[in-house]
């Protein structure tokens, strides 16, 4: 299946093991980039770690969890080559893969529950990039990133 990097902050730490277990049950190889305690920490540390690993090609995809998913996804998107999406429902997760070829999914443990998180992850992982007219838009995004 896929190699998936995962990270969180202290707020997402309770949901993270449940997502790791879910991904493992689906047959994916998962590596946790921290943190490993509920001690207060800063989400940019883990957003950057996961994003760098995905951008380097060491992992197929990444998943990030913080309180809302917003801050950690913004951090990840600062890494060249990353297209992170924060999602609170499955439809946007699916279309983000199909149209935007997102490579990192983020969500908030204070926003959604574990069952909805699993639905979002499933839709995101099973959707495939459609290419075509969308490939040109990804190229345009990369050009913005490179300038």
N, C-alpha and C. Protein backbone atom coordinates (compact mmCIF):
# COMPACT_ATOMS: atom_id res chain seq x y z
N UNK A 1 0.84 -1.19 0.00
CA UNK A 1 0.00 0.00 0.00
C UNK A 1 0.89 1.25 0.00
N UNK A 2 0.69 2.14 0.94
CA UNK A 2 1.43 3.41 0.96
C UNK A 2 2.27 3.54 2.22
N UNK A 3 3.32 4.36 2.08
CA UNK A 3 4.10 4.79 3.24
C UNK A 3 3.57 6.16 3.64
N UNK A 4 3.11 6.27 4.88
CA UNK A 4 2.47 7.50 5.34
C UNK A 4 3.21 8.04 6.55
N UNK A 5 3.56 9.32 6.48
CA UNK A 5 4.16 10.03 7.61
C UNK A 5 3.04 10.71 8.38
N UNK A 6 3.11 10.69 9.70
CA UNK A 6 2.07 11.33 10.51
C UNK A 6 2.72 12.14 11.63
N UNK A 7 2.07 13.24 11.96
CA UNK A 7 2.53 14.08 13.06
C UNK A 7 1.37 14.86 13.63
N UNK A 8 1.60 15.43 14.80
CA UNK A 8 0.56 16.22 15.46
C UNK A 8 1.21 17.22 16.37
N UNK A 9 0.39 17.94 17.09
CA UNK A 9 0.88 18.72 18.22
C UNK A 9 0.29 18.07 19.47
N UNK A 10 0.41 18.73 20.60
CA UNK A 10 -0.10 18.15 21.85
C UNK A 10 -1.62 17.98 21.85
N UNK A 11 -2.32 18.82 21.09
CA UNK A 11 -3.79 18.71 21.04
C UNK A 11 -4.22 17.50 20.23
N UNK A 12 -3.48 17.19 19.18
CA UNK A 12 -3.83 16.06 18.32
C UNK A 12 -3.31 14.72 18.78
N UNK A 13 -2.58 14.72 19.88
CA UNK A 13 -1.90 13.50 20.33
C UNK A 13 -2.85 12.37 20.70
N UNK A 14 -4.05 12.67 21.18
CA UNK A 14 -4.98 11.61 21.55
C UNK A 14 -5.60 10.94 20.33
N UNK A 15 -5.82 11.69 19.26
CA UNK A 15 -6.42 11.13 18.06
C UNK A 15 -5.38 10.39 17.21
N UNK A 16 -4.14 10.83 17.28
CA UNK A 16 -3.10 10.28 16.40
C UNK A 16 -2.96 8.76 16.49
N UNK A 17 -2.88 8.15 17.67
CA UNK A 17 -2.74 6.68 17.71
C UNK A 17 -3.92 5.95 17.09
N UNK A 18 -5.10 6.53 17.20
CA UNK A 18 -6.28 5.90 16.60
C UNK A 18 -6.19 5.94 15.08
N UNK A 19 -5.67 7.04 14.54
CA UNK A 19 -5.49 7.15 13.08
C UNK A 19 -4.38 6.20 12.63
N UNK A 20 -3.30 6.12 13.40
CA UNK A 20 -2.22 5.19 13.06
C UNK A 20 -2.75 3.75 13.02
N UNK A 21 -3.52 3.37 14.02
CA UNK A 21 -4.11 2.03 14.06
C UNK A 21 -5.01 1.79 12.85
N UNK A 22 -5.83 2.77 12.51
CA UNK A 22 -6.72 2.66 11.36
C UNK A 22 -5.93 2.48 10.08
N UNK A 23 -4.90 3.28 9.89
CA UNK A 23 -4.07 3.20 8.68
C UNK A 23 -3.36 1.85 8.59
N UNK A 24 -2.87 1.37 9.72
CA UNK A 24 -2.18 0.09 9.77
C UNK A 24 -3.14 -1.04 9.42
N UNK A 25 -4.36 -0.97 9.94
CA UNK A 25 -5.37 -1.98 9.61
C UNK A 25 -5.70 -1.99 8.12
N UNK A 26 -5.58 -0.83 7.48
CA UNK A 26 -5.82 -0.74 6.04
C UNK A 26 -4.63 -1.26 5.24
N UNK A 27 -3.53 -1.57 5.92
CA UNK A 27 -2.37 -2.13 5.26
C UNK A 27 -1.26 -1.16 4.94
N UNK A 28 -1.37 0.07 5.44
CA UNK A 28 -0.35 1.08 5.17
C UNK A 28 0.78 1.00 6.19
N UNK A 29 1.95 1.42 5.76
CA UNK A 29 3.10 1.54 6.64
C UNK A 29 3.12 2.98 7.17
N UNK A 30 3.10 3.16 8.48
CA UNK A 30 2.98 4.48 9.08
C UNK A 30 4.18 4.76 9.97
N UNK A 31 4.74 5.96 9.81
CA UNK A 31 5.82 6.42 10.68
C UNK A 31 5.35 7.67 11.40
N UNK A 32 5.48 7.67 12.71
CA UNK A 32 5.06 8.78 13.57
C UNK A 32 6.25 9.70 13.82
N UNK A 33 6.09 10.97 13.42
CA UNK A 33 7.15 11.96 13.60
C UNK A 33 6.94 12.83 14.84
N UNK A 34 6.07 12.38 15.73
CA UNK A 34 5.93 13.06 17.01
C UNK A 34 4.77 14.02 17.05
N UNK A 35 4.61 14.54 18.25
CA UNK A 35 5.31 14.27 19.50
C UNK A 35 4.84 12.95 20.11
N UNK A 36 5.49 12.56 21.19
CA UNK A 36 5.09 11.32 21.85
C UNK A 36 4.58 11.54 23.27
N UNK A 37 4.28 12.80 23.59
CA UNK A 37 3.67 13.10 24.89
C UNK A 37 2.68 14.24 24.72
N UNK A 38 1.85 14.42 25.73
CA UNK A 38 0.84 15.48 25.67
C UNK A 38 1.37 16.82 26.21
N UNK A 39 2.66 16.88 26.46
CA UNK A 39 3.27 18.13 26.91
C UNK A 39 3.13 19.18 25.80
N UNK A 40 2.79 20.40 26.18
CA UNK A 40 2.58 21.48 25.21
C UNK A 40 3.76 21.60 24.27
N UNK A 41 3.45 21.70 22.97
CA UNK A 41 4.48 21.83 21.94
C UNK A 41 3.94 22.72 20.83
N UNK A 42 4.76 22.99 19.85
CA UNK A 42 4.40 23.89 18.76
C UNK A 42 4.17 23.12 17.47
N UNK A 43 2.99 23.28 16.88
CA UNK A 43 2.61 22.53 15.68
C UNK A 43 3.53 22.76 14.48
N UNK A 44 4.17 23.95 14.31
CA UNK A 44 5.04 24.09 13.13
C UNK A 44 6.19 23.09 13.09
N UNK A 45 6.65 22.65 14.24
CA UNK A 45 7.75 21.67 14.29
C UNK A 45 7.34 20.40 13.55
N UNK A 46 6.15 19.91 13.83
CA UNK A 46 5.71 18.63 13.29
C UNK A 46 5.14 18.77 11.88
N UNK A 47 4.53 19.92 11.58
CA UNK A 47 4.09 20.18 10.22
C UNK A 47 5.28 20.18 9.27
N UNK A 48 6.36 20.81 9.70
CA UNK A 48 7.58 20.88 8.89
C UNK A 48 8.23 19.51 8.74
N UNK A 49 8.35 18.76 9.83
CA UNK A 49 8.97 17.43 9.79
C UNK A 49 8.28 16.53 8.77
N UNK A 50 6.97 16.43 8.88
CA UNK A 50 6.21 15.55 7.99
C UNK A 50 6.29 16.06 6.56
N UNK A 51 6.15 17.36 6.37
CA UNK A 51 6.20 17.93 5.03
C UNK A 51 7.55 17.69 4.35
N UNK A 52 8.62 17.86 5.09
CA UNK A 52 9.95 17.63 4.51
C UNK A 52 10.13 16.18 4.08
N UNK A 53 9.61 15.26 4.87
CA UNK A 53 9.72 13.83 4.52
C UNK A 53 8.90 13.50 3.27
N UNK A 54 7.71 14.07 3.16
CA UNK A 54 6.87 13.83 1.98
C UNK A 54 7.50 14.50 0.76
N UNK A 55 7.95 15.73 0.90
CA UNK A 55 8.56 16.46 -0.22
C UNK A 55 9.82 15.77 -0.72
N UNK A 56 10.56 15.14 0.18
CA UNK A 56 11.79 14.44 -0.19
C UNK A 56 11.50 13.11 -0.89
N UNK A 57 10.25 12.69 -0.88
CA UNK A 57 9.88 11.42 -1.51
C UNK A 57 10.08 10.21 -0.62
N UNK A 58 10.35 10.44 0.66
CA UNK A 58 10.52 9.33 1.59
C UNK A 58 9.20 8.67 1.98
N UNK A 59 8.11 9.41 1.79
CA UNK A 59 6.76 8.92 2.10
C UNK A 59 5.83 9.30 0.97
N UNK A 60 4.82 8.47 0.75
CA UNK A 60 3.84 8.75 -0.31
C UNK A 60 2.93 9.90 0.06
N UNK A 61 2.53 9.94 1.34
CA UNK A 61 1.59 10.95 1.81
C UNK A 61 1.87 11.25 3.27
N UNK A 62 1.26 12.34 3.75
CA UNK A 62 1.38 12.71 5.14
C UNK A 62 0.03 13.07 5.74
N UNK A 63 -0.10 12.88 7.03
CA UNK A 63 -1.30 13.26 7.76
C UNK A 63 -0.86 14.03 9.00
N UNK A 64 -1.53 15.16 9.23
CA UNK A 64 -1.21 16.04 10.35
C UNK A 64 -2.46 16.35 11.16
N UNK A 65 -2.29 16.42 12.48
CA UNK A 65 -3.43 16.68 13.37
C UNK A 65 -3.03 17.73 14.39
N UNK A 66 -3.83 18.78 14.49
CA UNK A 66 -3.70 19.74 15.58
C UNK A 66 -5.11 20.07 16.05
N UNK A 67 -5.30 21.16 16.74
CA UNK A 67 -6.63 21.50 17.25
C UNK A 67 -7.65 21.71 16.16
N UNK A 68 -7.29 22.51 15.14
CA UNK A 68 -8.18 22.78 14.01
C UNK A 68 -7.68 22.21 12.70
N UNK A 69 -6.41 21.88 12.63
CA UNK A 69 -5.80 21.44 11.38
C UNK A 69 -5.24 22.60 10.57
N UNK A 70 -5.62 23.81 10.93
CA UNK A 70 -5.24 24.99 10.15
C UNK A 70 -3.76 25.32 10.31
N UNK A 71 -3.32 25.55 11.54
CA UNK A 71 -1.93 25.96 11.76
C UNK A 71 -0.92 24.96 11.25
N UNK A 72 -1.17 23.70 11.50
CA UNK A 72 -0.22 22.66 11.09
C UNK A 72 -0.19 22.51 9.57
N UNK A 73 -1.34 22.74 8.90
CA UNK A 73 -1.36 22.67 7.44
C UNK A 73 -0.66 23.89 6.82
N UNK A 74 -0.83 25.05 7.43
CA UNK A 74 -0.12 26.24 6.94
C UNK A 74 1.38 26.01 7.04
N UNK A 75 1.83 25.45 8.15
CA UNK A 75 3.25 25.15 8.33
C UNK A 75 3.75 24.19 7.26
N UNK A 76 3.00 23.14 7.01
CA UNK A 76 3.39 22.16 5.99
C UNK A 76 3.46 22.79 4.61
N UNK A 77 2.52 23.67 4.31
CA UNK A 77 2.48 24.29 2.98
C UNK A 77 3.65 25.23 2.72
N UNK A 78 4.42 25.57 3.73
CA UNK A 78 5.61 26.40 3.53
C UNK A 78 6.77 25.60 2.95
N UNK A 79 6.67 24.28 2.96
CA UNK A 79 7.71 23.42 2.40
C UNK A 79 7.45 23.24 0.90
N UNK A 80 8.46 23.52 0.11
CA UNK A 80 8.34 23.43 -1.34
C UNK A 80 7.90 22.03 -1.76
N UNK A 81 6.89 21.98 -2.63
CA UNK A 81 6.39 20.71 -3.14
C UNK A 81 5.22 20.14 -2.37
N UNK A 82 4.82 20.82 -1.31
CA UNK A 82 3.72 20.32 -0.50
C UNK A 82 2.42 21.04 -0.87
N UNK A 83 1.38 20.24 -0.98
CA UNK A 83 0.02 20.74 -1.18
C UNK A 83 -0.82 20.09 -0.08
N UNK A 84 -0.87 20.77 1.06
CA UNK A 84 -1.61 20.27 2.22
C UNK A 84 -3.01 20.87 2.23
N UNK A 85 -3.96 20.05 2.63
CA UNK A 85 -5.36 20.48 2.74
C UNK A 85 -5.84 20.20 4.15
N UNK A 86 -6.56 21.16 4.71
CA UNK A 86 -7.22 20.91 5.99
C UNK A 86 -8.68 20.59 5.67
N UNK A 87 -9.18 19.46 6.17
CA UNK A 87 -10.53 19.01 5.85
C UNK A 87 -11.31 18.65 7.09
N UNK A 88 -12.59 18.99 7.05
CA UNK A 88 -13.51 18.62 8.12
C UNK A 88 -14.65 17.75 7.61
N UNK A 89 -14.57 17.38 6.32
CA UNK A 89 -15.58 16.51 5.74
C UNK A 89 -14.97 15.76 4.54
N UNK A 90 -15.52 14.61 4.19
CA UNK A 90 -14.90 13.74 3.19
C UNK A 90 -14.89 14.27 1.76
N UNK A 91 -15.91 15.01 1.36
CA UNK A 91 -16.01 15.45 -0.04
C UNK A 91 -14.83 16.32 -0.45
N UNK A 92 -14.48 17.28 0.37
CA UNK A 92 -13.34 18.15 0.05
C UNK A 92 -12.04 17.36 0.04
N UNK A 93 -11.92 16.39 0.93
CA UNK A 93 -10.72 15.55 0.96
C UNK A 93 -10.58 14.80 -0.36
N UNK A 94 -11.65 14.22 -0.81
CA UNK A 94 -11.65 13.47 -2.07
C UNK A 94 -11.29 14.37 -3.25
N UNK A 95 -11.97 15.51 -3.35
CA UNK A 95 -11.71 16.41 -4.48
C UNK A 95 -10.33 17.05 -4.40
N UNK A 96 -9.80 17.21 -3.20
CA UNK A 96 -8.45 17.77 -3.09
C UNK A 96 -7.43 16.83 -3.72
N UNK A 97 -7.67 15.54 -3.66
CA UNK A 97 -6.78 14.57 -4.33
C UNK A 97 -7.05 14.56 -5.83
N UNK A 98 -8.31 14.52 -6.20
CA UNK A 98 -8.67 14.40 -7.62
C UNK A 98 -8.26 15.63 -8.43
N UNK A 99 -8.42 16.81 -7.86
CA UNK A 99 -8.20 18.05 -8.61
C UNK A 99 -6.91 18.76 -8.25
N UNK A 100 -6.45 18.63 -7.01
CA UNK A 100 -5.29 19.39 -6.55
C UNK A 100 -4.08 18.52 -6.23
N UNK A 101 -4.23 17.21 -6.34
CA UNK A 101 -3.16 16.26 -6.07
C UNK A 101 -2.48 16.54 -4.73
N UNK A 102 -3.30 16.77 -3.70
CA UNK A 102 -2.76 17.05 -2.37
C UNK A 102 -1.94 15.86 -1.87
N UNK A 103 -0.88 16.18 -1.14
CA UNK A 103 -0.02 15.12 -0.63
C UNK A 103 0.02 15.07 0.90
N UNK A 104 -0.63 16.03 1.54
CA UNK A 104 -0.77 16.00 3.00
C UNK A 104 -2.21 16.37 3.36
N UNK A 105 -2.77 15.60 4.28
CA UNK A 105 -4.11 15.83 4.81
C UNK A 105 -3.96 16.28 6.26
N UNK A 106 -4.68 17.34 6.61
CA UNK A 106 -4.68 17.81 8.00
C UNK A 106 -6.13 17.93 8.47
N UNK A 107 -6.32 17.71 9.76
CA UNK A 107 -7.63 17.93 10.36
C UNK A 107 -7.47 18.25 11.83
N UNK A 108 -8.55 18.74 12.41
CA UNK A 108 -8.51 19.19 13.79
C UNK A 108 -9.21 18.24 14.74
N UNK A 109 -8.50 17.83 15.78
CA UNK A 109 -9.10 16.93 16.76
C UNK A 109 -10.15 17.62 17.62
N UNK A 110 -10.15 18.96 17.62
CA UNK A 110 -11.19 19.71 18.33
C UNK A 110 -12.39 20.00 17.44
N UNK A 111 -12.27 19.65 16.16
CA UNK A 111 -13.31 19.96 15.18
C UNK A 111 -14.12 18.73 14.80
N UNK A 112 -13.42 17.60 14.64
CA UNK A 112 -14.09 16.38 14.20
C UNK A 112 -13.79 15.24 15.17
N UNK A 113 -14.65 14.24 15.15
CA UNK A 113 -14.44 13.05 15.96
C UNK A 113 -13.70 11.98 15.17
N UNK A 114 -13.37 10.90 15.83
CA UNK A 114 -12.54 9.86 15.21
C UNK A 114 -13.24 9.18 14.04
N UNK A 115 -14.53 8.94 14.13
CA UNK A 115 -15.21 8.25 13.01
C UNK A 115 -15.25 9.11 11.76
N UNK A 116 -15.50 10.40 11.93
CA UNK A 116 -15.46 11.31 10.78
C UNK A 116 -14.04 11.42 10.24
N UNK A 117 -13.06 11.45 11.12
CA UNK A 117 -11.66 11.49 10.69
C UNK A 117 -11.34 10.27 9.82
N UNK A 118 -11.81 9.11 10.21
CA UNK A 118 -11.57 7.89 9.43
C UNK A 118 -12.22 7.98 8.05
N UNK A 119 -13.43 8.53 7.99
CA UNK A 119 -14.10 8.70 6.70
C UNK A 119 -13.31 9.64 5.80
N UNK A 120 -12.83 10.74 6.37
CA UNK A 120 -12.04 11.71 5.62
C UNK A 120 -10.76 11.07 5.09
N UNK A 121 -10.06 10.35 5.96
CA UNK A 121 -8.82 9.67 5.58
C UNK A 121 -9.09 8.67 4.45
N UNK A 122 -10.15 7.90 4.58
CA UNK A 122 -10.48 6.90 3.56
C UNK A 122 -10.72 7.56 2.20
N UNK A 123 -11.54 8.59 2.17
CA UNK A 123 -11.83 9.27 0.90
C UNK A 123 -10.56 9.86 0.30
N UNK A 124 -9.74 10.45 1.15
CA UNK A 124 -8.51 11.10 0.67
C UNK A 124 -7.53 10.07 0.11
N UNK A 125 -7.37 8.95 0.81
CA UNK A 125 -6.40 7.95 0.37
C UNK A 125 -6.84 7.18 -0.87
N UNK A 126 -8.13 7.01 -1.04
CA UNK A 126 -8.61 6.21 -2.18
C UNK A 126 -8.83 7.03 -3.45
N UNK A 127 -8.92 8.33 -3.32
CA UNK A 127 -9.11 9.17 -4.51
C UNK A 127 -7.79 9.28 -5.27
N UNK A 128 -7.89 9.38 -6.58
CA UNK A 128 -6.70 9.50 -7.41
C UNK A 128 -6.73 10.80 -8.19
N UNK A 129 -5.56 11.36 -8.41
CA UNK A 129 -5.43 12.58 -9.19
C UNK A 129 -5.90 12.32 -10.62
N UNK A 130 -6.77 13.19 -11.12
CA UNK A 130 -7.35 13.02 -12.45
C UNK A 130 -6.43 13.50 -13.57
N UNK A 131 -5.47 14.34 -13.26
CA UNK A 131 -4.60 14.88 -14.31
C UNK A 131 -5.39 15.78 -15.24
N UNK A 132 -5.12 15.69 -16.53
CA UNK A 132 -5.84 16.50 -17.51
C UNK A 132 -5.75 17.98 -17.22
N UNK A 133 -6.88 18.66 -17.26
CA UNK A 133 -6.90 20.11 -17.04
C UNK A 133 -6.35 20.47 -15.66
N UNK A 134 -6.46 19.54 -14.71
CA UNK A 134 -5.98 19.80 -13.36
C UNK A 134 -4.45 19.80 -13.30
N UNK A 135 -3.80 19.03 -14.16
CA UNK A 135 -2.33 18.97 -14.18
C UNK A 135 -1.75 20.34 -14.52
N UNK A 136 -2.39 21.05 -15.42
CA UNK A 136 -1.90 22.39 -15.77
C UNK A 136 -2.03 23.33 -14.58
N UNK A 137 -3.07 23.20 -13.81
CA UNK A 137 -3.25 24.05 -12.63
C UNK A 137 -2.20 23.74 -11.56
N UNK A 138 -1.86 22.47 -11.41
CA UNK A 138 -0.80 22.10 -10.46
C UNK A 138 0.52 22.69 -10.94
N UNK A 139 0.74 22.65 -12.24
CA UNK A 139 1.96 23.26 -12.81
C UNK A 139 1.98 24.75 -12.50
N UNK A 140 0.86 25.42 -12.62
CA UNK A 140 0.78 26.84 -12.33
C UNK A 140 1.08 27.11 -10.84
N UNK A 141 0.58 26.27 -9.96
CA UNK A 141 0.86 26.41 -8.53
C UNK A 141 2.36 26.25 -8.28
N UNK A 142 2.97 25.27 -8.93
CA UNK A 142 4.41 25.05 -8.77
C UNK A 142 5.21 26.25 -9.27
N UNK A 143 4.75 26.87 -10.35
CA UNK A 143 5.43 28.06 -10.86
C UNK A 143 5.35 29.20 -9.86
N UNK A 144 4.23 29.37 -9.23
CA UNK A 144 4.08 30.40 -8.18
C UNK A 144 5.06 30.10 -7.05
N UNK A 145 5.12 28.84 -6.65
CA UNK A 145 6.00 28.41 -5.56
C UNK A 145 7.47 28.63 -5.89
N UNK A 146 7.82 28.48 -7.15
CA UNK A 146 9.23 28.61 -7.57
C UNK A 146 9.67 30.05 -7.83
N UNK A 147 8.75 30.97 -7.84
CA UNK A 147 9.10 32.38 -8.10
C UNK A 147 9.16 33.20 -6.84
